[in-house]
N, C-alpha and C. Protein backbone atom coordinates (compact mmCIF):
# COMPACT_ATOMS: atom_id res chain seq x y z
N MET A 1 -24.35 0.38 -2.83
CA MET A 1 -22.99 0.11 -2.38
C MET A 1 -22.26 -0.62 -3.51
N GLY A 2 -21.04 -0.19 -3.82
CA GLY A 2 -20.24 -0.82 -4.85
C GLY A 2 -18.79 -0.86 -4.44
N GLN A 3 -18.04 -1.67 -5.16
CA GLN A 3 -16.64 -1.78 -4.85
C GLN A 3 -15.90 -0.55 -5.39
N VAL A 4 -14.98 -0.03 -4.58
CA VAL A 4 -14.15 1.10 -4.96
C VAL A 4 -12.74 0.55 -5.20
N VAL A 5 -12.11 1.01 -6.26
CA VAL A 5 -10.78 0.51 -6.62
C VAL A 5 -9.84 1.68 -6.88
N ALA A 6 -8.67 1.62 -6.27
CA ALA A 6 -7.62 2.61 -6.50
C ALA A 6 -6.35 1.88 -6.88
N THR A 7 -5.67 2.34 -7.93
CA THR A 7 -4.44 1.69 -8.37
C THR A 7 -3.36 2.72 -8.66
N ALA A 8 -2.12 2.28 -8.54
CA ALA A 8 -0.96 3.07 -8.95
C ALA A 8 0.12 2.09 -9.39
N GLU A 9 0.97 2.56 -10.28
CA GLU A 9 2.03 1.70 -10.80
C GLU A 9 3.25 2.56 -11.11
N ARG A 10 4.42 1.98 -10.89
CA ARG A 10 5.66 2.72 -11.15
C ARG A 10 6.76 1.72 -11.49
N VAL A 11 7.62 2.12 -12.41
CA VAL A 11 8.82 1.35 -12.68
C VAL A 11 9.91 1.89 -11.76
N VAL A 12 10.43 1.03 -10.92
CA VAL A 12 11.44 1.38 -9.92
C VAL A 12 12.79 0.90 -10.42
N GLY A 13 13.78 1.75 -10.35
CA GLY A 13 15.12 1.42 -10.85
C GLY A 13 15.92 0.58 -9.89
N ALA A 14 15.41 -0.61 -9.58
CA ALA A 14 16.11 -1.56 -8.71
C ALA A 14 15.65 -2.96 -9.11
N PRO A 15 16.50 -3.96 -8.88
CA PRO A 15 16.12 -5.34 -9.22
C PRO A 15 14.92 -5.81 -8.39
N ALA A 16 14.15 -6.72 -8.96
CA ALA A 16 12.92 -7.20 -8.32
C ALA A 16 13.17 -7.78 -6.94
N ASP A 17 14.26 -8.51 -6.73
CA ASP A 17 14.49 -9.10 -5.42
C ASP A 17 14.68 -8.03 -4.34
N ARG A 18 15.34 -6.92 -4.69
CA ARG A 18 15.50 -5.82 -3.71
C ARG A 18 14.17 -5.14 -3.44
N VAL A 19 13.36 -4.97 -4.47
CA VAL A 19 12.05 -4.33 -4.30
C VAL A 19 11.15 -5.21 -3.45
N ARG A 20 11.12 -6.52 -3.74
CA ARG A 20 10.32 -7.46 -2.94
C ARG A 20 10.72 -7.39 -1.47
N SER A 21 12.01 -7.42 -1.23
CA SER A 21 12.52 -7.40 0.14
C SER A 21 12.14 -6.10 0.84
N ALA A 22 12.26 -4.98 0.15
CA ALA A 22 11.92 -3.68 0.75
C ALA A 22 10.43 -3.60 1.08
N LEU A 23 9.58 -4.03 0.15
CA LEU A 23 8.13 -3.98 0.41
C LEU A 23 7.73 -4.89 1.56
N ALA A 24 8.41 -6.01 1.70
CA ALA A 24 8.07 -6.97 2.76
C ALA A 24 8.65 -6.59 4.12
N ASP A 25 9.52 -5.58 4.15
CA ASP A 25 10.17 -5.16 5.39
C ASP A 25 9.32 -4.10 6.09
N TYR A 26 8.38 -4.58 6.91
CA TYR A 26 7.47 -3.68 7.62
C TYR A 26 8.14 -3.06 8.85
N THR A 27 9.24 -3.62 9.29
CA THR A 27 9.92 -3.11 10.47
C THR A 27 10.68 -1.82 10.18
N GLU A 28 11.40 -1.77 9.06
CA GLU A 28 12.25 -0.62 8.76
C GLU A 28 11.80 0.14 7.51
N THR A 29 11.90 -0.52 6.35
CA THR A 29 11.70 0.19 5.08
C THR A 29 10.31 0.78 4.95
N ARG A 30 9.28 0.02 5.24
CA ARG A 30 7.92 0.55 5.11
C ARG A 30 7.72 1.79 5.98
N ARG A 31 8.23 1.73 7.18
CA ARG A 31 8.11 2.87 8.10
C ARG A 31 8.72 4.13 7.47
N ARG A 32 9.87 3.96 6.79
CA ARG A 32 10.57 5.11 6.21
C ARG A 32 9.91 5.66 4.95
N VAL A 33 9.22 4.82 4.18
CA VAL A 33 8.69 5.29 2.90
C VAL A 33 7.22 5.71 2.96
N LEU A 34 6.56 5.53 4.09
CA LEU A 34 5.16 5.93 4.18
C LEU A 34 5.02 7.45 4.16
N PRO A 35 4.11 7.98 3.34
CA PRO A 35 3.86 9.42 3.32
C PRO A 35 3.17 9.89 4.60
N GLU A 36 3.01 11.20 4.70
CA GLU A 36 2.48 11.82 5.91
C GLU A 36 1.04 11.42 6.23
N GLN A 37 0.32 10.86 5.28
CA GLN A 37 -1.06 10.43 5.55
C GLN A 37 -1.11 9.26 6.54
N PHE A 38 0.01 8.58 6.72
CA PHE A 38 0.10 7.46 7.65
C PHE A 38 0.76 7.95 8.94
N SER A 39 0.16 7.63 10.07
CA SER A 39 0.75 8.00 11.35
C SER A 39 0.53 6.88 12.37
N ASP A 40 1.12 7.03 13.53
CA ASP A 40 0.99 6.04 14.61
C ASP A 40 1.29 4.61 14.12
N TYR A 41 2.31 4.49 13.30
CA TYR A 41 2.70 3.21 12.70
C TYR A 41 3.32 2.31 13.75
N ARG A 42 2.87 1.07 13.80
CA ARG A 42 3.49 0.10 14.71
C ARG A 42 3.31 -1.32 14.19
N VAL A 43 4.37 -2.10 14.30
CA VAL A 43 4.33 -3.51 13.95
C VAL A 43 3.89 -4.27 15.19
N GLU A 44 2.82 -5.02 15.07
CA GLU A 44 2.29 -5.77 16.21
C GLU A 44 2.70 -7.23 16.22
N ALA A 45 3.07 -7.76 15.05
CA ALA A 45 3.54 -9.15 14.97
C ALA A 45 4.37 -9.29 13.70
N GLY A 46 5.35 -10.17 13.75
CA GLY A 46 6.18 -10.41 12.57
C GLY A 46 7.02 -9.20 12.24
N GLY A 47 6.94 -8.79 11.00
CA GLY A 47 7.73 -7.65 10.54
C GLY A 47 8.30 -7.87 9.15
N GLN A 48 8.32 -9.13 8.73
CA GLN A 48 8.83 -9.48 7.40
C GLN A 48 7.79 -10.29 6.65
N GLY A 49 7.09 -9.66 5.73
CA GLY A 49 6.18 -10.37 4.83
C GLY A 49 5.06 -11.12 5.52
N GLU A 50 4.80 -12.32 5.02
CA GLU A 50 3.71 -13.18 5.48
C GLU A 50 3.68 -13.27 7.01
N GLY A 51 2.50 -13.11 7.56
CA GLY A 51 2.32 -13.23 9.01
C GLY A 51 2.49 -11.92 9.77
N THR A 52 2.88 -10.87 9.08
CA THR A 52 3.05 -9.58 9.74
C THR A 52 1.68 -8.98 10.05
N ARG A 53 1.58 -8.35 11.19
CA ARG A 53 0.40 -7.56 11.55
C ARG A 53 0.90 -6.18 11.92
N VAL A 54 0.38 -5.16 11.24
CA VAL A 54 0.84 -3.79 11.43
C VAL A 54 -0.38 -2.87 11.54
N ALA A 55 -0.24 -1.85 12.35
CA ALA A 55 -1.34 -0.90 12.55
C ALA A 55 -0.87 0.50 12.22
N TRP A 56 -1.80 1.34 11.78
CA TRP A 56 -1.52 2.74 11.51
C TRP A 56 -2.82 3.51 11.44
N ARG A 57 -2.69 4.82 11.48
CA ARG A 57 -3.82 5.72 11.21
C ARG A 57 -3.60 6.25 9.81
N PHE A 58 -4.64 6.15 8.99
CA PHE A 58 -4.55 6.66 7.64
C PHE A 58 -5.52 7.83 7.49
N ALA A 59 -4.99 9.00 7.14
CA ALA A 59 -5.81 10.20 6.98
C ALA A 59 -5.98 10.48 5.49
N ALA A 60 -7.10 10.03 4.94
CA ALA A 60 -7.39 10.31 3.53
C ALA A 60 -7.58 11.81 3.34
N THR A 61 -8.25 12.43 4.31
CA THR A 61 -8.39 13.88 4.39
C THR A 61 -8.30 14.23 5.87
N SER A 62 -8.36 15.50 6.21
CA SER A 62 -8.29 15.87 7.62
C SER A 62 -9.51 15.37 8.39
N LYS A 63 -10.62 15.13 7.69
CA LYS A 63 -11.84 14.66 8.35
C LYS A 63 -12.09 13.17 8.20
N ARG A 64 -11.37 12.51 7.30
CA ARG A 64 -11.55 11.08 7.06
C ARG A 64 -10.29 10.34 7.50
N VAL A 65 -10.27 9.99 8.78
CA VAL A 65 -9.13 9.26 9.36
C VAL A 65 -9.60 7.87 9.74
N ARG A 66 -8.82 6.89 9.33
CA ARG A 66 -9.19 5.49 9.54
C ARG A 66 -8.10 4.79 10.33
N GLU A 67 -8.50 4.13 11.41
CA GLU A 67 -7.57 3.28 12.18
C GLU A 67 -7.53 1.93 11.47
N GLN A 68 -6.35 1.51 11.05
CA GLN A 68 -6.26 0.24 10.33
C GLN A 68 -5.37 -0.74 11.08
N LEU A 69 -5.78 -1.99 11.08
CA LEU A 69 -4.98 -3.10 11.59
C LEU A 69 -4.89 -4.08 10.43
N VAL A 70 -3.71 -4.19 9.87
CA VAL A 70 -3.51 -4.90 8.62
C VAL A 70 -2.78 -6.22 8.86
N GLU A 71 -3.30 -7.27 8.26
CA GLU A 71 -2.64 -8.57 8.28
C GLU A 71 -2.09 -8.85 6.90
N VAL A 72 -0.84 -9.31 6.85
CA VAL A 72 -0.14 -9.50 5.58
C VAL A 72 -0.08 -10.98 5.23
N THR A 73 -0.45 -11.28 3.99
CA THR A 73 -0.27 -12.62 3.43
C THR A 73 0.57 -12.48 2.17
N GLN A 74 1.15 -13.60 1.75
CA GLN A 74 1.98 -13.59 0.55
C GLN A 74 1.63 -14.83 -0.28
N PRO A 75 0.60 -14.69 -1.15
CA PRO A 75 0.14 -15.84 -1.92
C PRO A 75 1.18 -16.39 -2.89
N ASP A 76 2.12 -15.55 -3.33
CA ASP A 76 3.23 -16.02 -4.17
C ASP A 76 4.40 -15.06 -3.99
N THR A 77 5.52 -15.38 -4.59
CA THR A 77 6.75 -14.62 -4.41
C THR A 77 6.59 -13.15 -4.78
N ASP A 78 5.79 -12.86 -5.80
CA ASP A 78 5.69 -11.51 -6.33
C ASP A 78 4.53 -10.70 -5.77
N THR A 79 3.80 -11.24 -4.79
CA THR A 79 2.58 -10.57 -4.32
C THR A 79 2.53 -10.51 -2.80
N LEU A 80 2.21 -9.32 -2.29
CA LEU A 80 1.90 -9.12 -0.87
C LEU A 80 0.47 -8.62 -0.80
N VAL A 81 -0.32 -9.18 0.11
CA VAL A 81 -1.70 -8.75 0.29
C VAL A 81 -1.86 -8.26 1.72
N GLU A 82 -2.35 -7.02 1.85
CA GLU A 82 -2.59 -6.41 3.15
C GLU A 82 -4.10 -6.29 3.35
N THR A 83 -4.61 -7.01 4.32
CA THR A 83 -6.05 -7.03 4.59
C THR A 83 -6.33 -6.30 5.89
N ASP A 84 -7.13 -5.24 5.80
CA ASP A 84 -7.51 -4.48 6.99
C ASP A 84 -8.56 -5.28 7.76
N THR A 85 -8.23 -5.64 8.98
CA THR A 85 -9.15 -6.45 9.79
C THR A 85 -10.35 -5.65 10.28
N ARG A 86 -10.32 -4.33 10.12
CA ARG A 86 -11.40 -3.48 10.63
C ARG A 86 -12.33 -2.96 9.53
N SER A 87 -12.08 -3.36 8.30
CA SER A 87 -12.92 -2.90 7.19
C SER A 87 -12.81 -3.91 6.04
N SER A 88 -13.40 -3.55 4.93
CA SER A 88 -13.34 -4.40 3.74
C SER A 88 -12.13 -4.09 2.86
N MET A 89 -11.25 -3.20 3.31
CA MET A 89 -10.12 -2.76 2.49
C MET A 89 -9.06 -3.83 2.35
N VAL A 90 -8.66 -4.07 1.09
CA VAL A 90 -7.59 -5.02 0.78
C VAL A 90 -6.65 -4.34 -0.21
N THR A 91 -5.36 -4.35 0.12
CA THR A 91 -4.35 -3.76 -0.75
C THR A 91 -3.42 -4.86 -1.23
N THR A 92 -3.22 -4.93 -2.55
CA THR A 92 -2.37 -5.94 -3.15
C THR A 92 -1.19 -5.27 -3.84
N TRP A 93 0.00 -5.67 -3.44
CA TRP A 93 1.26 -5.18 -4.03
C TRP A 93 1.79 -6.27 -4.94
N THR A 94 2.08 -5.92 -6.19
CA THR A 94 2.61 -6.87 -7.16
C THR A 94 3.92 -6.35 -7.71
N VAL A 95 4.92 -7.22 -7.74
CA VAL A 95 6.27 -6.87 -8.21
C VAL A 95 6.58 -7.72 -9.43
N ARG A 96 7.00 -7.07 -10.52
CA ARG A 96 7.35 -7.79 -11.75
C ARG A 96 8.68 -7.23 -12.29
N PRO A 97 9.62 -8.13 -12.59
CA PRO A 97 10.87 -7.65 -13.20
C PRO A 97 10.56 -6.92 -14.52
N ALA A 98 11.30 -5.83 -14.78
CA ALA A 98 11.18 -5.09 -16.03
C ALA A 98 12.55 -5.13 -16.71
N ASP A 99 12.73 -4.32 -17.72
CA ASP A 99 14.01 -4.31 -18.45
C ASP A 99 15.13 -3.69 -17.63
N SER A 100 16.34 -4.09 -17.95
CA SER A 100 17.57 -3.48 -17.42
C SER A 100 17.63 -3.42 -15.91
N GLY A 101 17.21 -4.45 -15.22
CA GLY A 101 17.31 -4.48 -13.77
C GLY A 101 16.30 -3.62 -13.04
N ALA A 102 15.32 -3.11 -13.76
CA ALA A 102 14.25 -2.32 -13.14
C ALA A 102 13.09 -3.25 -12.78
N THR A 103 12.14 -2.71 -12.02
CA THR A 103 11.00 -3.51 -11.55
C THR A 103 9.73 -2.68 -11.63
N THR A 104 8.67 -3.31 -12.10
CA THR A 104 7.36 -2.66 -12.10
C THR A 104 6.64 -3.02 -10.80
N VAL A 105 6.23 -2.01 -10.05
CA VAL A 105 5.49 -2.21 -8.81
C VAL A 105 4.09 -1.68 -9.03
N ARG A 106 3.12 -2.52 -8.73
CA ARG A 106 1.71 -2.12 -8.87
C ARG A 106 1.04 -2.29 -7.52
N VAL A 107 0.27 -1.31 -7.12
CA VAL A 107 -0.51 -1.39 -5.89
C VAL A 107 -1.97 -1.18 -6.26
N ARG A 108 -2.82 -2.05 -5.72
CA ARG A 108 -4.26 -2.00 -6.01
C ARG A 108 -5.02 -2.17 -4.70
N THR A 109 -5.86 -1.21 -4.38
CA THR A 109 -6.67 -1.28 -3.16
C THR A 109 -8.13 -1.32 -3.54
N THR A 110 -8.87 -2.21 -2.89
CA THR A 110 -10.31 -2.30 -3.09
C THR A 110 -11.00 -2.24 -1.74
N TRP A 111 -12.23 -1.72 -1.74
CA TRP A 111 -13.07 -1.76 -0.55
C TRP A 111 -14.51 -1.59 -0.97
N ASN A 112 -15.41 -1.96 -0.07
CA ASN A 112 -16.85 -1.79 -0.33
C ASN A 112 -17.22 -0.36 0.03
N GLY A 113 -17.64 0.39 -0.97
CA GLY A 113 -17.98 1.79 -0.77
C GLY A 113 -19.38 1.96 -0.23
N ALA A 114 -19.66 3.19 0.15
CA ALA A 114 -20.98 3.54 0.66
C ALA A 114 -21.99 3.57 -0.49
N GLY A 115 -23.25 3.57 -0.14
CA GLY A 115 -24.31 3.68 -1.13
C GLY A 115 -24.75 5.12 -1.28
N GLY A 116 -25.66 5.35 -2.18
CA GLY A 116 -26.28 6.66 -2.35
C GLY A 116 -25.33 7.71 -2.88
N VAL A 117 -25.67 8.96 -2.58
CA VAL A 117 -24.90 10.10 -3.06
C VAL A 117 -23.48 10.07 -2.49
N GLY A 118 -23.35 9.75 -1.20
CA GLY A 118 -22.03 9.66 -0.58
C GLY A 118 -21.16 8.62 -1.28
N GLY A 119 -21.77 7.51 -1.65
CA GLY A 119 -21.05 6.46 -2.36
C GLY A 119 -20.58 6.92 -3.73
N PHE A 120 -21.43 7.71 -4.40
CA PHE A 120 -21.04 8.25 -5.70
C PHE A 120 -19.78 9.09 -5.56
N PHE A 121 -19.76 9.99 -4.57
CA PHE A 121 -18.59 10.84 -4.38
C PHE A 121 -17.38 10.02 -3.96
N GLU A 122 -17.60 9.01 -3.14
CA GLU A 122 -16.49 8.14 -2.72
C GLU A 122 -15.88 7.44 -3.93
N ARG A 123 -16.72 6.85 -4.77
CA ARG A 123 -16.22 6.14 -5.96
C ARG A 123 -15.56 7.10 -6.95
N THR A 124 -15.98 8.35 -6.95
CA THR A 124 -15.44 9.33 -7.89
C THR A 124 -14.12 9.91 -7.42
N PHE A 125 -14.02 10.28 -6.15
CA PHE A 125 -12.87 11.03 -5.67
C PHE A 125 -11.85 10.22 -4.86
N ALA A 126 -12.29 9.24 -4.10
CA ALA A 126 -11.36 8.50 -3.24
C ALA A 126 -10.26 7.80 -4.03
N PRO A 127 -10.57 7.14 -5.16
CA PRO A 127 -9.47 6.48 -5.89
C PRO A 127 -8.39 7.44 -6.36
N LYS A 128 -8.77 8.64 -6.77
CA LYS A 128 -7.77 9.62 -7.22
C LYS A 128 -6.89 10.07 -6.06
N GLY A 129 -7.49 10.31 -4.91
CA GLY A 129 -6.72 10.71 -3.74
C GLY A 129 -5.78 9.62 -3.28
N LEU A 130 -6.28 8.40 -3.24
CA LEU A 130 -5.44 7.28 -2.80
C LEU A 130 -4.33 7.00 -3.81
N ARG A 131 -4.62 7.15 -5.09
CA ARG A 131 -3.58 6.97 -6.10
C ARG A 131 -2.45 7.98 -5.88
N ARG A 132 -2.77 9.23 -5.54
CA ARG A 132 -1.73 10.23 -5.27
C ARG A 132 -0.87 9.81 -4.07
N VAL A 133 -1.50 9.27 -3.03
CA VAL A 133 -0.76 8.80 -1.86
C VAL A 133 0.18 7.67 -2.27
N TYR A 134 -0.33 6.72 -3.06
CA TYR A 134 0.51 5.59 -3.49
C TYR A 134 1.63 6.04 -4.43
N GLU A 135 1.36 7.02 -5.29
CA GLU A 135 2.43 7.53 -6.16
C GLU A 135 3.54 8.15 -5.33
N ASP A 136 3.16 8.85 -4.28
CA ASP A 136 4.15 9.41 -3.35
C ASP A 136 4.94 8.29 -2.68
N LEU A 137 4.24 7.28 -2.19
CA LEU A 137 4.89 6.15 -1.52
C LEU A 137 5.85 5.44 -2.48
N LEU A 138 5.44 5.21 -3.71
CA LEU A 138 6.30 4.53 -4.68
C LEU A 138 7.53 5.37 -5.03
N GLY A 139 7.37 6.68 -5.10
CA GLY A 139 8.52 7.56 -5.31
C GLY A 139 9.49 7.49 -4.14
N ARG A 140 8.96 7.45 -2.94
CA ARG A 140 9.80 7.33 -1.74
C ARG A 140 10.52 5.98 -1.73
N LEU A 141 9.82 4.92 -2.15
CA LEU A 141 10.43 3.60 -2.22
C LEU A 141 11.59 3.61 -3.21
N GLU A 142 11.38 4.22 -4.37
CA GLU A 142 12.46 4.28 -5.35
C GLU A 142 13.66 5.06 -4.81
N ARG A 143 13.42 6.18 -4.17
CA ARG A 143 14.53 6.95 -3.59
C ARG A 143 15.25 6.15 -2.51
N GLU A 144 14.49 5.44 -1.71
CA GLU A 144 15.08 4.59 -0.65
C GLU A 144 16.00 3.54 -1.27
N LEU A 145 15.55 2.91 -2.34
CA LEU A 145 16.33 1.84 -2.95
C LEU A 145 17.55 2.40 -3.72
N SER A 146 17.43 3.58 -4.25
CA SER A 146 18.57 4.15 -4.98
C SER A 146 19.62 4.71 -4.02
N ALA A 147 19.21 5.03 -2.80
CA ALA A 147 20.15 5.56 -1.81
C ALA A 147 20.97 4.46 -1.16
N SER A 148 20.46 3.24 -1.18
CA SER A 148 21.21 2.15 -0.50
C SER A 148 21.99 1.30 -1.46
């Protein structure tokens, strides 16, 4: 068993404060920018950043569907951490101002993978699949911010 890591990063054409606010808005913005792999989305507590609890079904593939209940913490202004209470999965969103009013958004997810042959395939293929999902989400976030 080993740790599995998936990351994605994108420069979003919006100021950091708008990006931070959008990422922390689990009530409206997050619901709108989630790709089709996320379903049955519901906010169970809070809705804005720290203290939010949100649930969804995440379909990595048609056969690998995970029910997630995520608790959100905010260790600092530029970071949101989503911890799945039902697994070892932790997703960290980091926002950094870039040039000309743009913002670099980085998402990093880690979890304890399976052992053996299954674990090898998980460590090999799951990060690539999850990175594609996050790249889609980050593109949707950028379009959301440029439309408003």
